[in-house]
Amino acid sequence: MREIVAMFDPRRTSVGDSQILTSRGRLAVFGLIVLLAILGPVVAIVEPYWLYILVQVLVFALLALSLDFVFGYAGLLSFGHAAMFGAGGYSAALLITEVTPNALVVLPVAMLTGVAVAAVIGWFSVRSRGIYFAMLTLAFAQMFYVAAFADLPATLLGVESITGGDNGIYGIALYELIGIDLSDRINYYFLTLLLVALSLAFLVRLANSPFGRVLQGIRENEERVAFIGYDVRRYKVVGFAISGGFAGLAGGLYVPFQSLAHPQFLHWTVSGELVVMLLLGGMGTLWGPMLGAASVIILEEMLGGIAAWEVILGGIFVVVVIFAPRGLAGVLISLKEDPRNALTNAKNAIENYVRKVRGKS
């Protein structure tokens, strides 16, 4: 236990240029949070439907953030994050409908559910690496999906229904919080924004801690980290569990707002879309995948009314992956570092790609 506590000791935090989010970056993130706080009430008045989209953006930004922490820093590609997301959502739905809608009770339980599920999946999976780890997490997520779809917990316990089977649990009330009316959607928006901002601050702090540096070391050279005395498996499991906790929190925020907990939330397609968000936004930056999540959700909404919109969306992803391999975050960082040569760099990237396609060195 002392070793785990020492991982997060602020006196041992690394500083310098390798810091995740510099002071300017943190100021920019703070400015964006303030902008979102101002934008919410404006959207609620002008076009209330887009307030729903903004909440969805924030939830999936948190989910993408949770995966980037473990994928971008420990190199653990998880195709099973839908399991923690859905498990957190189902635990929130059951507590709200059967026990209490108090957010101070339900959201921590949703988060702990995500931690527990991730710890179990991680304990069995971290012995494998690369694509084998990814496939194991995918298999576990699909097991949770089948269990929810067939309502296996109800069968095992001999009761009528727990997960609701293929219908899910519907008619879920919004949270209650002392002194705050969360049935007002704008208040729910502010609650979600606050929790996402706090989650980002915590994970940035953790990524800059000795624990985060060890995760980065594991990503770069696992054997060397083990050789100098670190328990690599323990770090992987702890990192994966922390990531799962924030995925569970995202599920706990999403389900009451949708008034539905459905097995589809546990499906592998959710995890697949999440990986797309990471690639689009830029792995290993924490804020980049959140930007990628926002881009995917908004693009899906804007293109949804167009025939074959999936082709257009897929084309955008292909262009970004080919010409901006570091994602949108890499593009913004390049513009910040060298704005004058942005067009030249883009032209060189296109020429290099054309040269490779033609088979020229």
Protein backbone atom coordinates (compact mmCIF):
# COMPACT_ATOMS: atom_id res chain seq x y z
CA MET A 1 0.00 0.00 0.00
CA ARG A 2 2.82 2.42 0.84
CA GLU A 3 4.37 1.77 -2.56
CA ILE A 4 1.11 2.64 -4.32
CA VAL A 5 0.68 5.84 -2.27
CA ALA A 6 4.27 6.83 -3.10
CA MET A 7 3.46 6.61 -6.81
CA PHE A 8 1.38 9.77 -6.50
CA ASP A 9 3.63 11.75 -4.15
CA PRO A 10 3.60 15.35 -5.49
CA ARG A 11 7.12 15.94 -4.18
CA ARG A 12 8.36 13.37 -6.69
CA THR A 13 6.50 14.83 -9.67
CA SER A 14 8.59 15.45 -12.76
CA VAL A 15 8.76 18.97 -14.09
CA GLY A 16 10.02 20.63 -17.19
CA ASP A 17 9.25 20.48 -20.88
CA SER A 18 7.95 16.91 -20.57
CA GLN A 19 5.04 18.11 -18.47
CA ILE A 20 1.62 17.11 -19.80
CA LEU A 21 -0.02 20.46 -20.54
CA THR A 22 2.31 23.39 -20.00
CA SER A 23 1.16 26.50 -18.18
CA ARG A 24 -0.02 27.97 -21.49
CA GLY A 25 -1.84 24.76 -22.31
CA ARG A 26 -3.58 24.76 -18.96
CA LEU A 27 -4.60 28.37 -19.47
CA ALA A 28 -6.03 27.45 -22.88
CA VAL A 29 -7.98 24.54 -21.38
CA PHE A 30 -9.30 26.80 -18.62
CA GLY A 31 -10.37 29.32 -21.24
CA LEU A 32 -12.20 26.58 -23.16
CA ILE A 33 -14.02 25.47 -20.01
CA VAL A 34 -15.10 29.05 -19.35
CA LEU A 35 -16.26 29.30 -22.96
CA LEU A 36 -18.32 26.14 -22.61
CA ALA A 37 -19.82 27.46 -19.37
CA ILE A 38 -20.93 30.58 -21.24
CA LEU A 39 -22.04 28.66 -24.33
CA GLY A 40 -24.36 26.30 -22.46
CA PRO A 41 -26.99 28.85 -21.37
CA VAL A 42 -26.86 30.55 -24.79
CA VAL A 43 -27.49 27.25 -26.57
CA ALA A 44 -30.27 26.38 -24.11
CA ILE A 45 -32.10 29.56 -25.12
CA VAL A 46 -31.37 29.62 -28.85
CA GLU A 47 -31.49 25.90 -29.72
CA PRO A 48 -32.21 23.57 -26.74
CA TYR A 49 -31.54 20.44 -28.82
CA TRP A 50 -27.86 21.37 -29.10
CA LEU A 51 -27.63 21.38 -25.32
CA TYR A 52 -28.32 17.65 -25.55
CA ILE A 53 -25.48 17.37 -28.10
CA LEU A 54 -23.12 19.31 -25.83
CA VAL A 55 -23.81 16.95 -22.93
CA GLN A 56 -23.16 13.99 -25.24
CA VAL A 57 -19.91 15.64 -26.37
CA LEU A 58 -18.79 16.08 -22.76
CA VAL A 59 -19.63 12.49 -21.81
CA PHE A 60 -17.73 10.98 -24.73
CA ALA A 61 -14.88 13.42 -24.19
CA LEU A 62 -14.58 11.98 -20.67
CA LEU A 63 -14.75 8.44 -22.06
CA ALA A 64 -12.02 9.22 -24.63
CA LEU A 65 -9.93 10.83 -21.88
CA SER A 66 -10.19 7.66 -19.79
CA LEU A 67 -8.94 5.47 -22.65
CA ASP A 68 -6.13 7.85 -23.61
CA PHE A 69 -4.76 7.70 -20.09
CA VAL A 70 -4.13 3.97 -20.35
CA PHE A 71 -3.53 3.69 -24.12
CA GLY A 72 -1.56 6.87 -24.64
CA TYR A 73 0.62 6.39 -21.54
CA ALA A 74 0.89 2.65 -20.92
CA GLY A 75 0.40 1.52 -24.51
CA LEU A 76 -2.54 -0.70 -23.51
CA LEU A 77 -4.93 -0.66 -26.46
CA SER A 78 -8.31 -1.57 -25.02
CA PHE A 79 -11.22 -2.65 -27.20
CA GLY A 80 -13.22 -3.27 -24.03
CA HIS A 81 -13.80 0.16 -22.55
CA ALA A 82 -17.48 -0.19 -23.42
CA ALA A 83 -17.65 -2.75 -20.58
CA MET A 84 -16.73 -0.15 -17.94
CA PHE A 85 -18.88 2.51 -19.61
CA GLY A 86 -21.92 0.24 -19.72
CA ALA A 87 -21.33 -1.24 -16.27
CA GLY A 88 -21.17 2.23 -14.74
CA GLY A 89 -24.36 3.14 -16.58
CA TYR A 90 -26.23 0.03 -15.46
CA SER A 91 -25.16 0.47 -11.84
CA ALA A 92 -26.40 4.07 -11.96
CA ALA A 93 -29.71 2.97 -13.52
CA LEU A 94 -30.30 0.27 -10.88
CA LEU A 95 -29.44 2.58 -7.98
CA ILE A 96 -31.66 5.38 -9.30
CA THR A 97 -34.66 3.11 -9.89
CA GLU A 98 -34.30 0.90 -6.81
CA VAL A 99 -32.43 2.85 -4.12
CA THR A 100 -31.86 6.60 -4.52
CA PRO A 101 -31.38 9.18 -7.29
CA ASN A 102 -28.92 11.16 -5.15
CA ALA A 103 -25.95 12.05 -7.37
CA LEU A 104 -23.57 12.04 -4.39
CA VAL A 105 -24.37 8.35 -3.90
CA VAL A 106 -24.89 7.08 -7.44
CA LEU A 107 -21.96 8.68 -9.29
CA PRO A 108 -19.26 7.41 -6.88
CA VAL A 109 -20.79 3.92 -7.10
CA ALA A 110 -20.79 4.11 -10.91
CA MET A 111 -17.14 5.08 -10.78
CA LEU A 112 -16.27 2.26 -8.36
CA THR A 113 -18.15 -0.18 -10.58
CA GLY A 114 -15.96 0.88 -13.49
CA VAL A 115 -12.85 0.42 -11.31
CA ALA A 116 -13.96 -3.08 -10.25
CA VAL A 117 -14.81 -4.24 -13.78
CA ALA A 118 -11.55 -2.81 -15.17
CA ALA A 119 -9.53 -4.41 -12.37
CA VAL A 120 -10.99 -7.84 -13.17
CA ILE A 121 -10.47 -7.45 -16.92
CA GLY A 122 -7.01 -5.98 -16.41
CA TRP A 123 -5.88 -8.70 -14.00
CA PHE A 124 -6.61 -11.39 -16.60
CA SER A 125 -5.47 -9.38 -19.64
CA VAL A 126 -2.22 -7.59 -18.71
CA ARG A 127 -0.25 -10.81 -19.03
CA SER A 128 -0.70 -10.39 -22.77
CA ARG A 129 0.58 -7.60 -24.98
CA GLY A 130 -0.35 -5.71 -28.11
CA ILE A 131 -3.16 -7.12 -30.20
CA TYR A 132 -3.58 -10.06 -27.79
CA PHE A 133 -4.34 -7.67 -24.95
CA ALA A 134 -6.78 -5.78 -27.18
CA MET A 135 -8.57 -8.99 -28.17
CA LEU A 136 -8.85 -10.14 -24.56
CA THR A 137 -10.44 -6.86 -23.50
CA LEU A 138 -12.79 -7.12 -26.49
CA ALA A 139 -13.77 -10.65 -25.47
CA PHE A 140 -14.49 -9.58 -21.88
CA ALA A 141 -16.57 -6.62 -23.08
CA GLN A 142 -18.65 -8.88 -25.31
CA MET A 143 -19.19 -11.24 -22.37
CA PHE A 144 -20.63 -8.33 -20.40
CA TYR A 145 -22.74 -7.38 -23.43
CA VAL A 146 -24.20 -10.89 -23.74
CA ALA A 147 -24.82 -11.05 -19.98
CA ALA A 148 -26.79 -7.79 -20.12
CA PHE A 149 -28.60 -8.67 -23.36
CA ALA A 150 -29.74 -12.07 -22.06
CA ASP A 151 -30.24 -10.75 -18.50
CA LEU A 152 -28.04 -13.50 -17.08
CA PRO A 153 -27.85 -11.87 -13.60
CA ALA A 154 -31.64 -12.26 -13.25
CA THR A 155 -31.43 -15.91 -14.34
CA LEU A 156 -28.65 -16.66 -11.86
CA LEU A 157 -30.44 -14.93 -8.98
CA GLY A 158 -33.86 -16.31 -9.87
CA VAL A 159 -35.59 -12.93 -10.19
CA GLU A 160 -37.73 -11.55 -13.00
CA SER A 161 -35.41 -8.86 -14.35
CA ILE A 162 -32.24 -6.95 -13.52
CA THR A 163 -30.74 -5.57 -16.75
CA GLY A 164 -34.03 -5.61 -18.66
CA GLY A 165 -32.61 -7.87 -21.35
CA ASP A 166 -32.67 -6.53 -24.91
CA ASN A 167 -35.09 -3.79 -23.84
CA GLY A 168 -32.71 -2.39 -21.25
CA ILE A 169 -33.82 -0.25 -18.33
CA TYR A 170 -35.87 2.75 -19.42
CA GLY A 171 -37.66 5.65 -17.74
CA ILE A 172 -34.63 6.46 -15.57
CA ALA A 173 -35.03 9.70 -13.63
CA LEU A 174 -32.39 12.41 -13.57
CA TYR A 175 -30.23 12.85 -10.49
CA GLU A 176 -31.17 14.77 -7.40
CA LEU A 177 -28.67 17.01 -5.63
CA ILE A 178 -29.23 19.05 -2.51
CA GLY A 179 -30.15 22.60 -3.47
CA ILE A 180 -29.83 21.99 -7.24
CA ASP A 181 -32.63 21.06 -9.61
CA LEU A 182 -30.94 18.61 -11.99
CA SER A 183 -34.21 18.02 -13.84
CA ASP A 184 -33.37 21.36 -15.44
CA ARG A 185 -31.12 20.28 -18.32
CA ILE A 186 -28.85 23.31 -18.07
CA ASN A 187 -28.01 22.37 -14.46
CA TYR A 188 -27.22 18.84 -15.63
CA TYR A 189 -24.98 20.32 -18.29
CA PHE A 190 -23.05 22.31 -15.68
CA LEU A 191 -22.72 19.21 -13.46
CA THR A 192 -21.30 17.24 -16.40
CA LEU A 193 -18.95 20.06 -17.37
CA LEU A 194 -17.67 20.34 -13.79
CA LEU A 195 -17.01 16.61 -13.47
CA VAL A 196 -15.27 16.43 -16.85
CA ALA A 197 -13.07 19.41 -15.94
CA LEU A 198 -12.16 17.85 -12.58
CA SER A 199 -11.44 14.51 -14.25
CA LEU A 200 -9.12 16.17 -16.77
CA ALA A 201 -7.31 18.05 -13.99
CA PHE A 202 -6.87 14.85 -11.98
CA LEU A 203 -5.60 12.77 -14.90
CA VAL A 204 -3.21 15.51 -16.04
CA ARG A 205 -1.85 15.62 -12.50
CA LEU A 206 -1.58 11.84 -12.45
CA ALA A 207 0.12 11.71 -15.85
CA ASN A 208 2.73 14.15 -14.53
CA SER A 209 3.28 12.09 -11.38
CA PRO A 210 5.89 9.34 -10.92
CA PHE A 211 3.10 6.86 -11.58
CA GLY A 212 2.40 8.43 -14.96
CA ARG A 213 6.11 8.46 -15.83
CA VAL A 214 6.35 4.74 -15.08
CA LEU A 215 3.36 4.08 -17.34
CA GLN A 216 5.16 5.97 -20.11
CA GLY A 217 8.25 3.89 -19.45
CA ILE A 218 6.21 0.70 -19.75
CA ARG A 219 4.88 1.91 -23.08
CA GLU A 220 8.39 2.60 -24.39
CA ASN A 221 10.28 -0.40 -23.01
CA GLU A 222 8.49 -2.76 -20.66
CA GLU A 223 11.50 -5.05 -20.13
CA ARG A 224 13.75 -2.20 -19.05
CA VAL A 225 11.16 -0.91 -16.55
CA ALA A 226 10.83 -4.40 -15.08
CA PHE A 227 14.63 -4.76 -14.96
CA ILE A 228 15.07 -1.66 -12.78
CA GLY A 229 12.64 -3.10 -10.22
CA TYR A 230 9.11 -1.95 -11.02
CA ASP A 231 6.22 -4.39 -10.82
CA VAL A 232 4.97 -3.86 -14.38
CA ARG A 233 1.82 -5.94 -14.02
CA ARG A 234 0.76 -4.06 -10.91
CA TYR A 235 1.23 -0.71 -12.62
CA LYS A 236 -0.74 -1.91 -15.63
CA VAL A 237 -3.64 -3.18 -13.54
CA VAL A 238 -3.76 -0.03 -11.40
CA GLY A 239 -3.60 2.22 -14.47
CA PHE A 240 -6.29 0.21 -16.22
CA ALA A 241 -8.51 0.31 -13.12
CA ILE A 242 -8.15 4.09 -12.82
CA SER A 243 -9.03 4.42 -16.50
CA GLY A 244 -12.07 2.17 -15.97
CA GLY A 245 -13.23 4.32 -13.08
CA PHE A 246 -13.54 7.39 -15.29
CA ALA A 247 -15.22 5.29 -18.00
CA GLY A 248 -17.74 4.20 -15.35
CA LEU A 249 -18.28 7.83 -14.37
CA ALA A 250 -19.00 8.66 -18.03
CA GLY A 251 -21.59 5.88 -18.09
CA GLY A 252 -23.12 7.15 -14.87
CA LEU A 253 -23.52 10.60 -16.41
CA TYR A 254 -24.82 9.34 -19.75
CA VAL A 255 -27.58 6.93 -18.67
CA PRO A 256 -29.82 9.30 -16.65
CA PHE A 257 -29.54 11.98 -19.32
CA GLN A 258 -30.66 9.43 -21.94
CA SER A 259 -33.23 7.99 -19.49
CA LEU A 260 -32.07 4.58 -20.73
CA ALA A 261 -29.53 1.88 -19.91
CA HIS A 262 -29.20 -0.48 -22.85
CA PRO A 263 -26.94 -3.45 -23.70
CA GLN A 264 -25.78 -1.51 -26.78
CA PHE A 265 -23.72 0.67 -24.41
CA LEU A 266 -21.60 -2.45 -23.75
CA HIS A 267 -21.15 -3.38 -27.40
CA TRP A 268 -17.77 -3.48 -29.13
CA THR A 269 -18.88 -0.76 -31.58
CA VAL A 270 -18.74 1.76 -28.72
CA SER A 271 -15.12 0.79 -28.05
CA GLY A 272 -14.33 0.93 -31.76
CA GLU A 273 -15.74 4.44 -32.10
CA LEU A 274 -13.75 5.41 -29.04
CA VAL A 275 -10.50 4.29 -30.68
CA VAL A 276 -11.42 6.40 -33.74
CA MET A 277 -11.84 9.40 -31.44
CA LEU A 278 -8.36 8.83 -30.05
CA LEU A 279 -6.74 8.51 -33.47
CA LEU A 280 -8.57 11.57 -34.75
CA GLY A 281 -7.75 13.70 -31.72
CA GLY A 282 -4.18 12.59 -31.08
CA MET A 283 -3.09 10.01 -28.52
CA GLY A 284 -1.00 10.77 -25.47
CA THR A 285 -2.13 14.37 -25.04
CA LEU A 286 -5.25 13.77 -22.91
CA TRP A 287 -6.95 16.85 -24.35
CA GLY A 288 -6.51 15.69 -27.95
CA PRO A 289 -8.86 12.67 -27.71
CA MET A 290 -11.43 14.91 -26.02
CA LEU A 291 -11.23 17.16 -29.08
CA GLY A 292 -11.53 14.06 -31.27
CA ALA A 293 -14.64 12.95 -29.38
CA ALA A 294 -16.24 16.36 -29.85
CA SER A 295 -15.40 16.28 -33.57
CA VAL A 296 -16.89 12.81 -34.08
CA ILE A 297 -20.14 13.56 -32.21
CA ILE A 298 -20.68 16.90 -33.94
CA LEU A 299 -19.79 15.54 -37.40
CA GLU A 300 -22.17 12.62 -36.94
CA GLU A 301 -24.94 15.02 -35.97
CA MET A 302 -24.30 17.43 -38.85
CA LEU A 303 -23.85 14.75 -41.51
CA GLY A 304 -26.61 12.45 -40.24
CA GLY A 305 -29.20 13.86 -42.66
CA ILE A 306 -27.03 13.27 -45.73
CA ALA A 307 -27.28 10.06 -47.75
CA ALA A 308 -24.20 7.85 -47.28
CA TRP A 309 -22.93 10.20 -44.60
CA GLU A 310 -20.75 7.41 -43.20
CA VAL A 311 -18.66 7.56 -46.38
CA ILE A 312 -18.07 11.29 -45.91
CA LEU A 313 -17.18 10.82 -42.25
CA GLY A 314 -14.87 7.93 -43.10
CA GLY A 315 -13.17 10.04 -45.75
CA ILE A 316 -12.49 12.77 -43.20
CA PHE A 317 -10.93 10.22 -40.83
CA VAL A 318 -8.75 8.80 -43.62
CA VAL A 319 -7.46 12.26 -44.56
CA VAL A 320 -6.62 13.09 -40.95
CA VAL A 321 -4.84 9.76 -40.33
CA ILE A 322 -2.78 10.03 -43.54
CA PHE A 323 -1.81 13.70 -43.42
CA ALA A 324 -1.96 14.32 -39.67
CA PRO A 325 -0.75 11.09 -38.00
CA ARG A 326 -0.55 12.88 -34.66
CA GLY A 327 -4.22 13.84 -34.96
CA LEU A 328 -5.88 17.19 -34.49
CA ALA A 329 -3.76 17.83 -31.40
CA GLY A 330 -0.60 17.43 -33.49
CA VAL A 331 -1.94 19.89 -36.06
CA LEU A 332 -2.67 22.50 -33.40
CA ILE A 333 0.72 21.98 -31.76
CA SER A 334 2.47 22.38 -35.14
CA LEU A 335 0.53 25.56 -35.86
CA LYS A 336 1.53 26.93 -32.47
CA GLU A 337 5.21 26.05 -32.89
CA ASP A 338 5.63 27.04 -36.54
CA PRO A 339 2.57 28.91 -37.89
CA ARG A 340 4.42 30.47 -40.85
CA ASN A 341 5.34 27.12 -42.39
CA ALA A 342 1.94 25.45 -41.89
CA LEU A 343 1.04 25.51 -45.60
CA THR A 344 4.52 24.37 -46.59
CA ASN A 345 4.35 21.46 -44.17
CA ALA A 346 0.92 20.46 -45.49
CA LYS A 347 2.21 20.59 -49.07
CA ASN A 348 5.23 18.45 -48.13
CA ALA A 349 2.98 15.91 -46.43
CA ILE A 350 0.84 15.57 -49.57
CA GLU A 351 3.91 15.24 -51.80
CA ASN A 352 5.44 12.61 -49.52
CA TYR A 353 2.23 10.61 -49.48
CA VAL A 354 1.90 10.74 -53.29
CA ARG A 355 5.53 9.63 -53.59
CA LYS A 356 4.92 6.66 -51.30
CA VAL A 357 1.77 5.64 -53.17
CA ARG A 358 3.72 5.66 -56.44
CA GLY A 359 6.38 3.51 -54.82
CA LYS A 360 9.16 6.06 -55.05
CA SER A 361 11.70 6.51 -52.26
